[in-house]
C-alpha atoms as a PDB file:
ATOM      1  CA  MET A   1     -32.010  10.334 -27.338  1.00  0.00           C
ATOM      2  CA  SER A   2     -32.082  10.365 -23.546  1.00  0.00           C
ATOM      3  CA  MET A   3     -30.744   7.258 -21.812  1.00  0.00           C
ATOM      4  CA  LYS A   4     -30.620   5.965 -18.267  1.00  0.00           C
ATOM      5  CA  VAL A   5     -26.935   5.928 -17.362  1.00  0.00           C
ATOM      6  CA  ALA A   6     -24.753   5.422 -14.315  1.00  0.00           C
ATOM      7  CA  PHE A   7     -21.389   7.021 -13.649  1.00  0.00           C
ATOM      8  CA  ILE A   8     -19.011   5.319 -11.210  1.00  0.00           C
ATOM      9  CA  GLY A   9     -16.173   7.493  -9.873  1.00  0.00           C
ATOM     10  CA  LEU A  10     -16.359  11.254  -9.390  1.00  0.00           C
ATOM     11  CA  GLY A  11     -12.714  12.296  -9.368  1.00  0.00           C
ATOM     12  CA  VAL A  12     -11.286  15.298 -11.211  1.00  0.00           C
ATOM     13  CA  MET A  13     -12.250  13.631 -14.514  1.00  0.00           C
ATOM     14  CA  GLY A  14     -15.423  11.741 -13.645  1.00  0.00           C
ATOM     15  CA  TYR A  15     -17.173  14.582 -11.829  1.00  0.00           C
ATOM     16  CA  PRO A  16     -17.407  16.910 -14.859  1.00  0.00           C
ATOM     17  CA  MET A  17     -17.875  13.999 -17.312  1.00  0.00           C
ATOM     18  CA  ALA A  18     -20.967  12.876 -15.393  1.00  0.00           C
ATOM     19  CA  GLY A  19     -22.096  16.501 -15.314  1.00  0.00           C
ATOM     20  CA  HIS A  20     -21.934  16.777 -19.092  1.00  0.00           C
ATOM     21  CA  LEU A  21     -24.085  13.632 -19.398  1.00  0.00           C
ATOM     22  CA  ALA A  22     -26.703  15.182 -17.109  1.00  0.00           C
ATOM     23  CA  ASN A  23     -26.590  18.482 -18.993  1.00  0.00           C
ATOM     24  CA  ALA A  24     -27.118  16.563 -22.250  1.00  0.00           C
ATOM     25  CA  GLY A  25     -30.445  15.351 -20.886  1.00  0.00           C
ATOM     26  CA  HIS A  26     -29.552  11.834 -19.804  1.00  0.00           C
ATOM     27  CA  ASN A  27     -30.988  10.310 -16.629  1.00  0.00           C
ATOM     28  CA  VAL A  28     -27.803   9.998 -14.536  1.00  0.00           C
ATOM     29  CA  THR A  29     -27.174   8.125 -11.276  1.00  0.00           C
ATOM     30  CA  VAL A  30     -23.706   8.541  -9.782  1.00  0.00           C
ATOM     31  CA  TYR A  31     -21.621   6.605  -7.286  1.00  0.00           C
ATOM     32  CA  ASN A  32     -18.454   7.708  -5.536  1.00  0.00           C
ATOM     33  CA  ARG A  33     -16.446   6.024  -2.789  1.00  0.00           C
ATOM     34  CA  THR A  34     -16.923   9.089  -0.578  1.00  0.00           C
ATOM     35  CA  THR A  35     -20.662   9.765  -0.553  1.00  0.00           C
ATOM     36  CA  ALA A  36     -20.192  13.474   0.203  1.00  0.00           C
ATOM     37  CA  LYS A  37     -18.721  13.965  -3.286  1.00  0.00           C
ATOM     38  CA  ALA A  38     -21.758  12.246  -4.834  1.00  0.00           C
ATOM     39  CA  GLN A  39     -24.099  14.419  -2.781  1.00  0.00           C
ATOM     40  CA  LYS A  40     -22.231  17.535  -3.919  1.00  0.00           C
ATOM     41  CA  TRP A  41     -22.572  16.390  -7.554  1.00  0.00           C
ATOM     42  CA  VAL A  42     -26.325  15.922  -7.140  1.00  0.00           C
ATOM     43  CA  SER A  43     -26.610  19.431  -5.688  1.00  0.00           C
ATOM     44  CA  GLU A  44     -25.003  20.825  -8.858  1.00  0.00           C
ATOM     45  CA  TYR A  45     -26.595  18.675 -11.557  1.00  0.00           C
ATOM     46  CA  GLN A  46     -29.856  16.964 -12.357  1.00  0.00           C
ATOM     47  CA  GLY A  47     -29.481  13.370 -11.181  1.00  0.00           C
ATOM     48  CA  GLU A  48     -29.353  10.956  -8.295  1.00  0.00           C
ATOM     49  CA  TYR A  49     -26.672   9.205  -6.273  1.00  0.00           C
ATOM     50  CA  ALA A  50     -26.425   5.649  -5.010  1.00  0.00           C
ATOM     51  CA  GLU A  51     -24.672   4.098  -2.002  1.00  0.00           C
ATOM     52  CA  THR A  52     -23.058   1.265  -4.008  1.00  0.00           C
ATOM     53  CA  PRO A  53     -21.915   0.693  -7.611  1.00  0.00           C
ATOM     54  CA  SER A  54     -24.529  -2.067  -7.929  1.00  0.00           C
ATOM     55  CA  GLU A  55     -27.330   0.244  -6.853  1.00  0.00           C
ATOM     56  CA  ALA A  56     -26.162   2.968  -9.264  1.00  0.00           C
ATOM     57  CA  ALA A  57     -26.034   0.530 -12.183  1.00  0.00           C
ATOM     58  CA  LYS A  58     -29.498  -0.949 -11.593  1.00  0.00           C
ATOM     59  CA  GLY A  59     -31.647  -0.466 -14.682  1.00  0.00           C
ATOM     60  CA  ALA A  60     -28.997   1.557 -16.531  1.00  0.00           C
ATOM     61  CA  ASP A  61     -28.645   1.290 -20.308  1.00  0.00           C
ATOM     62  CA  ILE A  62     -24.978   2.324 -20.047  1.00  0.00           C
ATOM     63  CA  VAL A  63     -22.667   2.255 -17.034  1.00  0.00           C
ATOM     64  CA  PHE A  64     -19.604   4.503 -17.265  1.00  0.00           C
ATOM     65  CA  MET A  65     -16.628   4.091 -14.929  1.00  0.00           C
ATOM     66  CA  CYS A  66     -13.654   6.338 -14.229  1.00  0.00           C
ATOM     67  CA  VAL A  67     -11.692   5.177 -11.195  1.00  0.00           C
ATOM     68  CA  GLY A  68      -8.006   4.896 -10.248  1.00  0.00           C
ATOM     69  CA  ASN A  69      -6.328   1.693 -11.390  1.00  0.00           C
ATOM     70  CA  ASP A  70      -6.829  -2.021 -12.108  1.00  0.00           C
ATOM     71  CA  ASP A  71      -7.665  -2.875  -8.492  1.00  0.00           C
ATOM     72  CA  ASP A  72     -10.088   0.035  -8.164  1.00  0.00           C
ATOM     73  CA  LEU A  73     -11.803  -1.121 -11.344  1.00  0.00           C
ATOM     74  CA  ARG A  74     -12.219  -4.672 -10.051  1.00  0.00           C
ATOM     75  CA  SER A  75     -13.609  -3.328  -6.767  1.00  0.00           C
ATOM     76  CA  VAL A  76     -16.497  -1.531  -8.509  1.00  0.00           C
ATOM     77  CA  VAL A  77     -17.191  -4.269 -11.082  1.00  0.00           C
ATOM     78  CA  TYR A  78     -17.205  -7.518  -9.089  1.00  0.00           C
ATOM     79  CA  GLY A  79     -18.917  -8.811  -5.955  1.00  0.00           C
ATOM     80  CA  GLU A  80     -22.346  -8.205  -4.479  1.00  0.00           C
ATOM     81  CA  GLN A  81     -21.886  -4.437  -4.615  1.00  0.00           C
ATOM     82  CA  GLY A  82     -20.216  -4.341  -8.049  1.00  0.00           C
ATOM     83  CA  VAL A  83     -21.970  -3.108 -11.176  1.00  0.00           C
ATOM     84  CA  LEU A  84     -22.174  -6.562 -12.769  1.00  0.00           C
ATOM     85  CA  ALA A  85     -24.370  -7.701  -9.882  1.00  0.00           C
ATOM     86  CA  SER A  86     -27.261  -5.553 -11.105  1.00  0.00           C
ATOM     87  CA  MET A  87     -26.638  -4.784 -14.798  1.00  0.00           C
ATOM     88  CA  HIS A  88     -29.140  -6.300 -17.202  1.00  0.00           C
ATOM     89  CA  GLU A  89     -28.537  -8.278 -20.367  1.00  0.00           C
ATOM     90  CA  GLY A  90     -28.132  -6.046 -23.416  1.00  0.00           C
ATOM     91  CA  SER A  91     -26.663  -3.119 -21.475  1.00  0.00           C
ATOM     92  CA  TYR A  92     -23.224  -1.530 -21.950  1.00  0.00           C
ATOM     93  CA  LEU A  93     -20.281  -1.204 -19.569  1.00  0.00           C
ATOM     94  CA  VAL A  94     -17.776   1.513 -20.532  1.00  0.00           C
ATOM     95  CA  ASP A  95     -14.498   2.008 -18.669  1.00  0.00           C
ATOM     96  CA  HIS A  96     -12.758   5.387 -18.908  1.00  0.00           C
ATOM     97  CA  THR A  97     -10.098   4.448 -16.341  1.00  0.00           C
ATOM     98  CA  THR A  98      -6.531   4.097 -17.617  1.00  0.00           C
ATOM     99  CA  THR A  99      -5.751   0.453 -16.844  1.00  0.00           C
ATOM    100  CA  SER A 100      -3.794  -2.477 -18.216  1.00  0.00           C
ATOM    101  CA  ALA A 101      -5.125  -4.048 -21.401  1.00  0.00           C
ATOM    102  CA  GLU A 102      -5.182  -7.317 -19.439  1.00  0.00           C
ATOM    103  CA  VAL A 103      -7.833  -6.178 -16.947  1.00  0.00           C
ATOM    104  CA  ALA A 104      -9.922  -4.742 -19.800  1.00  0.00           C
ATOM    105  CA  ARG A 105     -10.007  -8.176 -21.463  1.00  0.00           C
ATOM    106  CA  GLU A 106     -10.748  -9.845 -18.112  1.00  0.00           C
ATOM    107  CA  VAL A 107     -13.741  -7.604 -17.347  1.00  0.00           C
ATOM    108  CA  ALA A 108     -14.990  -7.902 -20.945  1.00  0.00           C
ATOM    109  CA  ALA A 109     -15.003 -11.689 -20.688  1.00  0.00           C
ATOM    110  CA  GLN A 110     -16.937 -11.597 -17.408  1.00  0.00           C
ATOM    111  CA  ALA A 111     -19.438  -9.086 -18.776  1.00  0.00           C
ATOM    112  CA  LYS A 112     -19.975 -11.189 -21.902  1.00  0.00           C
ATOM    113  CA  LEU A 113     -21.067 -14.151 -19.760  1.00  0.00           C
ATOM    114  CA  GLN A 114     -23.965 -11.957 -18.619  1.00  0.00           C
ATOM    115  CA  GLY A 115     -24.795 -10.653 -22.089  1.00  0.00           C
ATOM    116  CA  ILE A 116     -23.284  -7.248 -21.332  1.00  0.00           C
ATOM    117  CA  ALA A 117     -21.097  -5.403 -23.857  1.00  0.00           C
ATOM    118  CA  PHE A 118     -17.817  -3.961 -22.592  1.00  0.00           C
ATOM    119  CA  LEU A 119     -15.747  -1.131 -24.074  1.00  0.00           C
ATOM    120  CA  ASP A 120     -12.388   0.038 -22.723  1.00  0.00           C
ATOM    121  CA  ALA A 121     -12.329   3.772 -23.352  1.00  0.00           C
ATOM    122  CA  PRO A 122      -9.464   5.664 -21.683  1.00  0.00           C
ATOM    123  CA  VAL A 123      -9.416   9.410 -22.268  1.00  0.00           C
ATOM    124  CA  SER A 124      -6.905  12.140 -22.964  1.00  0.00           C
ATOM    125  CA  GLY A 125      -7.268  15.866 -22.423  1.00  0.00           C
ATOM    126  CA  GLY A 126      -6.831  16.148 -18.672  1.00  0.00           C
ATOM    127  CA  GLN A 127      -8.992  17.925 -16.143  1.00  0.00           C
ATOM    128  CA  ALA A 128      -9.504  20.922 -18.434  1.00  0.00           C
ATOM    129  CA  GLY A 129     -10.626  18.630 -21.258  1.00  0.00           C
ATOM    130  CA  ALA A 130     -13.125  16.934 -18.958  1.00  0.00           C
ATOM    131  CA  GLU A 131     -14.485  20.224 -17.622  1.00  0.00           C
ATOM    132  CA  ASN A 132     -14.837  21.687 -21.116  1.00  0.00           C
ATOM    133  CA  GLY A 133     -16.299  18.487 -22.601  1.00  0.00           C
ATOM    134  CA  VAL A 134     -13.560  18.123 -25.237  1.00  0.00           C
ATOM    135  CA  LEU A 135     -11.843  14.860 -24.286  1.00  0.00           C
ATOM    136  CA  THR A 136     -10.366  12.427 -26.783  1.00  0.00           C
ATOM    137  CA  VAL A 137     -11.629   8.872 -26.214  1.00  0.00           C
ATOM    138  CA  MET A 138      -9.628   5.816 -27.325  1.00  0.00           C
ATOM    139  CA  VAL A 139     -11.898   2.798 -27.558  1.00  0.00           C
ATOM    140  CA  GLY A 140     -11.508  -0.963 -27.729  1.00  0.00           C
ATOM    141  CA  GLY A 141     -14.490  -3.236 -28.429  1.00  0.00           C
ATOM    142  CA  ASP A 142     -17.049  -4.204 -31.069  1.00  0.00           C
ATOM    143  CA  GLU A 143     -18.044  -1.661 -33.690  1.00  0.00           C
ATOM    144  CA  ALA A 144     -21.781  -2.165 -33.142  1.00  0.00           C
ATOM    145  CA  ASP A 145     -21.353  -1.450 -29.420  1.00  0.00           C
ATOM    146  CA  PHE A 146     -19.193   1.598 -30.135  1.00  0.00           C
ATOM    147  CA  ASN A 147     -21.857   2.980 -32.462  1.00  0.00           C
ATOM    148  CA  VAL A 148     -24.434   2.851 -29.656  1.00  0.00           C
ATOM    149  CA  VAL A 149     -22.222   4.383 -26.982  1.00  0.00           C
ATOM    150  CA  GLN A 150     -20.348   7.005 -29.043  1.00  0.00           C
ATOM    151  CA  PRO A 151     -23.247   9.488 -29.373  1.00  0.00           C
ATOM    152  CA  VAL A 152     -23.679   9.415 -25.579  1.00  0.00           C
ATOM    153  CA  MET A 153     -19.930   9.893 -24.962  1.00  0.00           C
ATOM    154  CA  ALA A 154     -20.126  12.911 -27.271  1.00  0.00           C
ATOM    155  CA  ALA A 155     -21.519  14.840 -24.288  1.00  0.00           C
ATOM    156  CA  PHE A 156     -17.987  15.043 -22.834  1.00  0.00           C
ATOM    157  CA  SER A 157     -15.736  14.345 -25.819  1.00  0.00           C
ATOM    158  CA  ARG A 158     -14.585  16.115 -28.949  1.00  0.00           C
ATOM    159  CA  PHE A 159     -13.282  12.973 -30.658  1.00  0.00           C
ATOM    160  CA  SER A 160     -13.798   9.233 -30.163  1.00  0.00           C
ATOM    161  CA  GLN A 161     -11.985   6.553 -32.128  1.00  0.00           C
ATOM    162  CA  LEU A 162     -12.509   2.788 -32.219  1.00  0.00           C
ATOM    163  CA  LEU A 163      -9.012   1.273 -32.346  1.00  0.00           C
ATOM    164  CA  GLY A 164      -9.881  -2.434 -32.480  1.00  0.00           C
ATOM    165  CA  GLU A 165     -10.904  -5.225 -30.136  1.00  0.00           C
ATOM    166  CA  VAL A 166     -11.147  -4.897 -26.358  1.00  0.00           C
ATOM    167  CA  GLY A 167      -7.813  -3.730 -24.927  1.00  0.00           C
ATOM    168  CA  SER A 168      -6.975  -1.589 -27.956  1.00  0.00           C
ATOM    169  CA  GLY A 169      -8.142   1.597 -26.272  1.00  0.00           C
ATOM    170  CA  GLN A 170      -5.779   0.996 -23.362  1.00  0.00           C
ATOM    171  CA  LEU A 171      -2.908   0.202 -25.715  1.00  0.00           C
ATOM    172  CA  CYS A 172      -3.527   3.479 -27.578  1.00  0.00           C
ATOM    173  CA  LYS A 173      -3.525   5.372 -24.263  1.00  0.00           C
ATOM    174  CA  MET A 174      -0.120   3.809 -23.528  1.00  0.00           C
ATOM    175  CA  VAL A 175       1.160   5.222 -26.848  1.00  0.00           C
ATOM    176  CA  ASN A 176      -0.264   8.606 -25.827  1.00  0.00           C
ATOM    177  CA  GLN A 177       1.598   8.628 -22.510  1.00  0.00           C
ATOM    178  CA  ILE A 178       4.846   7.367 -24.097  1.00  0.00           C
ATOM    179  CA  CYS A 179       4.751  10.279 -26.553  1.00  0.00           C
ATOM    180  CA  ILE A 180       3.937  12.847 -23.866  1.00  0.00           C
ATOM    181  CA  ALA A 181       6.842  11.700 -21.677  1.00  0.00           C
ATOM    182  CA  GLY A 182       9.436  12.424 -24.351  1.00  0.00           C
ATOM    183  CA  VAL A 183       7.910  15.752 -25.380  1.00  0.00           C
ATOM    184  CA  VAL A 184       7.798  17.070 -21.799  1.00  0.00           C
ATOM    185  CA  GLN A 185      11.401  16.063 -21.102  1.00  0.00           C
ATOM    186  CA  GLY A 186      12.542  17.766 -24.311  1.00  0.00           C
ATOM    187  CA  LEU A 187      10.633  20.929 -23.416  1.00  0.00           C
ATOM    188  CA  ALA A 188      12.044  20.889 -19.875  1.00  0.00           C
ATOM    189  CA  GLU A 189      15.609  20.625 -21.189  1.00  0.00           C
ATOM    190  CA  GLY A 190      14.997  23.345 -23.780  1.00  0.00           C
ATOM    191  CA  LEU A 191      13.638  25.796 -21.219  1.00  0.00           C
ATOM    192  CA  HIS A 192      16.484  25.007 -18.825  1.00  0.00           C
ATOM    193  CA  PHE A 193      18.996  25.659 -21.617  1.00  0.00           C
ATOM    194  CA  ALA A 194      17.268  28.949 -22.496  1.00  0.00           C
ATOM    195  CA  LYS A 195      17.499  30.100 -18.874  1.00  0.00           C
ATOM    196  CA  GLN A 196      21.174  29.170 -18.670  1.00  0.00           C
ATOM    197  CA  ALA A 197      21.828  31.031 -21.906  1.00  0.00           C
ATOM    198  CA  GLY A 198      20.135  34.161 -20.555  1.00  0.00           C
ATOM    199  CA  LEU A 199      17.450  34.194 -23.241  1.00  0.00           C
ATOM    200  CA  ASP A 200      13.987  35.757 -22.991  1.00  0.00           C
ATOM    201  CA  GLY A 201      11.736  32.703 -22.599  1.00  0.00           C
ATOM    202  CA  GLU A 202       8.655  34.439 -23.997  1.00  0.00           C
ATOM    203  CA  LYS A 203      10.471  35.456 -27.182  1.00  0.00           C
ATOM    204  CA  VAL A 204      12.123  32.047 -27.580  1.00  0.00           C
ATOM    205  CA  ILE A 205       8.805  30.192 -27.394  1.00  0.00           C
ATOM    206  CA  GLU A 206       7.032  32.741 -29.581  1.00  0.00           C
ATOM    207  CA  THR A 207       9.692  32.057 -32.199  1.00  0.00           C
ATOM    208  CA  ILE A 208      10.138  28.279 -32.059  1.00  0.00           C
ATOM    209  CA  SER A 209       6.500  27.356 -31.380  1.00  0.00           C
ATOM    210  CA  LYS A 210       5.608  28.391 -34.916  1.00  0.00           C
ATOM    211  CA  GLY A 211       7.794  25.636 -36.388  1.00  0.00           C
ATOM    212  CA  ALA A 212       8.647  21.970 -35.959  1.00  0.00           C
ATOM    213  CA  ALA A 213       9.415  22.348 -32.234  1.00  0.00           C
ATOM    214  CA  GLY A 214       5.854  23.370 -31.441  1.00  0.00           C
ATOM    215  CA  SER A 215       3.621  21.097 -29.329  1.00  0.00           C
ATOM    216  CA  TRP A 216       0.545  21.139 -27.105  1.00  0.00           C
ATOM    217  CA  GLN A 217       2.853  20.967 -24.093  1.00  0.00           C
ATOM    218  CA  MET A 218       4.830  23.981 -25.277  1.00  0.00           C
ATOM    219  CA  GLU A 219       1.739  26.039 -25.991  1.00  0.00           C
ATOM    220  CA  ASN A 220      -0.057  25.199 -22.725  1.00  0.00           C
ATOM    221  CA  ARG A 221       2.750  24.707 -20.199  1.00  0.00           C
ATOM    222  CA  TYR A 222       5.804  26.797 -21.068  1.00  0.00           C
ATOM    223  CA  LYS A 223       4.712  29.885 -19.082  1.00  0.00           C
ATOM    224  CA  THR A 224       4.004  27.959 -15.898  1.00  0.00           C
ATOM    225  CA  MET A 225       7.163  25.880 -16.307  1.00  0.00           C
ATOM    226  CA  TRP A 226       9.246  29.057 -16.738  1.00  0.00           C
ATOM    227  CA  ALA A 227       7.655  30.424 -13.567  1.00  0.00           C
ATOM    228  CA  GLY A 228       8.217  27.166 -11.655  1.00  0.00           C
ATOM    229  CA  GLU A 229       4.484  26.566 -11.152  1.00  0.00           C
ATOM    230  CA  TYR A 230       3.310  22.961 -11.390  1.00  0.00           C
ATOM    231  CA  GLU A 231      -0.296  22.879 -10.216  1.00  0.00           C
ATOM    232  CA  PHE A 232      -1.953  22.615 -13.614  1.00  0.00           C
ATOM    233  CA  GLY A 233      -3.284  19.206 -14.512  1.00  0.00           C
ATOM    234  CA  PHE A 234      -2.309  15.557 -14.601  1.00  0.00           C
ATOM    235  CA  ALA A 235      -0.297  14.561 -11.532  1.00  0.00           C
ATOM    236  CA  VAL A 236       3.131  12.909 -11.552  1.00  0.00           C
ATOM    237  CA  ASP A 237       1.793  10.061  -9.376  1.00  0.00           C
ATOM    238  CA  TRP A 238      -0.764   9.210 -12.048  1.00  0.00           C
ATOM    239  CA  MET A 239       1.746   9.565 -14.872  1.00  0.00           C
ATOM    240  CA  ARG A 240       4.040   7.063 -13.144  1.00  0.00           C
ATOM    241  CA  LYS A 241       1.115   4.652 -12.886  1.00  0.00           C
ATOM    242  CA  ASP A 242       0.436   5.028 -16.609  1.00  0.00           C
ATOM    243  CA  LEU A 243       4.079   4.726 -17.651  1.00  0.00           C
ATOM    244  CA  GLY A 244       4.398   1.634 -15.456  1.00  0.00           C
ATOM    245  CA  ILE A 245       1.489   0.052 -17.340  1.00  0.00           C
ATOM    246  CA  ALA A 246       3.157   0.899 -20.670  1.00  0.00           C
ATOM    247  CA  LEU A 247       6.537  -0.485 -19.572  1.00  0.00           C
ATOM    248  CA  ASP A 248       4.918  -3.717 -18.358  1.00  0.00           C
ATOM    249  CA  GLU A 249       3.094  -4.084 -21.674  1.00  0.00           C
ATOM    250  CA  ALA A 250       6.364  -3.444 -23.543  1.00  0.00           C
ATOM    251  CA  LYS A 251       7.984  -6.348 -21.705  1.00  0.00           C
ATOM    252  CA  ALA A 252       5.113  -8.550 -22.866  1.00  0.00           C
ATOM    253  CA  ASN A 253       5.054  -7.430 -26.514  1.00  0.00           C
ATOM    254  CA  GLY A 254       8.801  -6.970 -27.034  1.00  0.00           C
ATOM    255  CA  ALA A 255       8.743  -3.199 -27.596  1.00  0.00           C
ATOM    256  CA  THR A 256      11.881  -1.266 -26.637  1.00  0.00           C
ATOM    257  CA  LEU A 257      11.167   1.913 -24.647  1.00  0.00           C
ATOM    258  CA  PRO A 258      14.479   3.303 -23.347  1.00  0.00           C
ATOM    259  CA  MET A 259      13.367   6.940 -23.290  1.00  0.00           C
ATOM    260  CA  THR A 260      10.106   6.080 -21.535  1.00  0.00           C
ATOM    261  CA  ALA A 261      11.939   4.070 -18.876  1.00  0.00           C
ATOM    262  CA  THR A 262      14.346   6.956 -18.308  1.00  0.00           C
ATOM    263  CA  VAL A 263      11.625   9.595 -18.022  1.00  0.00           C
ATOM    264  CA  ASP A 264       9.700   7.320 -15.658  1.00  0.00           C
ATOM    265  CA  GLN A 265      12.761   7.375 -13.384  1.00  0.00           C
ATOM    266  CA  TYR A 266      12.967  11.154 -13.744  1.00  0.00           C
ATOM    267  CA  TYR A 267       9.384  11.319 -12.490  1.00  0.00           C
ATOM    268  CA  ALA A 268      10.463   9.138  -9.550  1.00  0.00           C
ATOM    269  CA  ASP A 269      13.021  11.861  -8.800  1.00  0.00           C
ATOM    270  CA  VAL A 270      10.224  14.465  -8.857  1.00  0.00           C
ATOM    271  CA  GLN A 271       8.271  12.325  -6.385  1.00  0.00           C
ATOM    272  CA  ALA A 272      11.361  12.207  -4.152  1.00  0.00           C
ATOM    273  CA  LEU A 273      11.419  16.025  -4.247  1.00  0.00           C
ATOM    274  CA  GLY A 274       7.874  15.958  -2.840  1.00  0.00           C
ATOM    275  CA  GLY A 275       6.283  16.615  -6.212  1.00  0.00           C
ATOM    276  CA  GLY A 276       3.994  13.610  -6.542  1.00  0.00           C
ATOM    277  CA  ARG A 277       1.000  15.908  -6.980  1.00  0.00           C
ATOM    278  CA  TYR A 278       2.822  18.328  -9.305  1.00  0.00           C
ATOM    279  CA  ASP A 279       1.653  18.213 -12.909  1.00  0.00           C
ATOM    280  CA  THR A 280       3.733  16.340 -15.493  1.00  0.00           C
ATOM    281  CA  SER A 281       5.546  19.473 -16.686  1.00  0.00           C
ATOM    282  CA  SER A 282       7.507  19.390 -13.407  1.00  0.00           C
ATOM    283  CA  LEU A 283      10.381  17.539 -15.084  1.00  0.00           C
ATOM    284  CA  LEU A 284      11.938  21.016 -15.242  1.00  0.00           C
ATOM    285  CA  ALA A 285      11.855  21.172 -11.422  1.00  0.00           C
ATOM    286  CA  ARG A 286      14.005  18.041 -11.354  1.00  0.00           C
ATOM    287  CA  ILE A 287      16.585  19.540 -13.711  1.00  0.00           C
ATOM    288  CA  GLU A 288      16.726  22.763 -11.721  1.00  0.00           C
ATOM    289  CA  ALA A 289      17.052  20.892  -8.415  1.00  0.00           C
ATOM    290  CA  LEU A 290      19.988  18.899  -9.798  1.00  0.00           C
ATOM    291  CA  HIS A 291      21.566  22.060 -11.195  1.00  0.00           C
ATOM    292  CA  LYS A 292      21.541  23.721  -7.780  1.00  0.00           C
ATOM    293  CA  LYS A 293      23.561  20.909  -6.187  1.00  0.00           C
END
């Protein structure tokens, strides 16, 4: 069923996600902070663009958002130009930004006052997942609301899961990033060791990837890591933002995350090397830089 939807934020994730919604036959209006990006999107897909979030959201059944952080989210939700200024009662507000669980609950409460349903719905799968329409979506909110929105999200996702009440999607995304951090550091150390030992990296990975050591990171990143190429996906700057959110939440809920805290500092080292825009597999670059000293 075709719906009138808005998409707020056309970054590396939002741009193709909005495109998949248009290609699925939905009536899409987009907004982006730099209008040129919105105009470019309209030239590629069937849809319209608006000058403000409020204008984009006017009359929409569902408003999707994918911006940078908590402050960016507030800037497109609140105020005269924010989406809540024009959204109608009975509509749905879905946030794909990775934020704190706290801001998700805050926005949900404000939306509820206006009779608007809110779902926090961070995604995993990176730029490639967004472009190929195979993202994983982790959702917090009411089941009835999820059941309405999920078929529409299917345009850009392979799997969507309702984890619990509002905030649960963000908490699940924190688990996702915690797990990735440890896997990437382990892979970086393993590849460094293999180089030092004079092994053939291709043969090593071909052998160990078939067993318990195998991972998505190994399968998709070992070749570029071995070659010292780090321009393939989720940036270190964004990973540090996400890990910071997880570490803050851990302080609040009493979880102990020593490995996550350590890897977060390793990513700070990568930033200091000038690698803030490197992808997350660049932990190997840090090890190799230290080894050269």
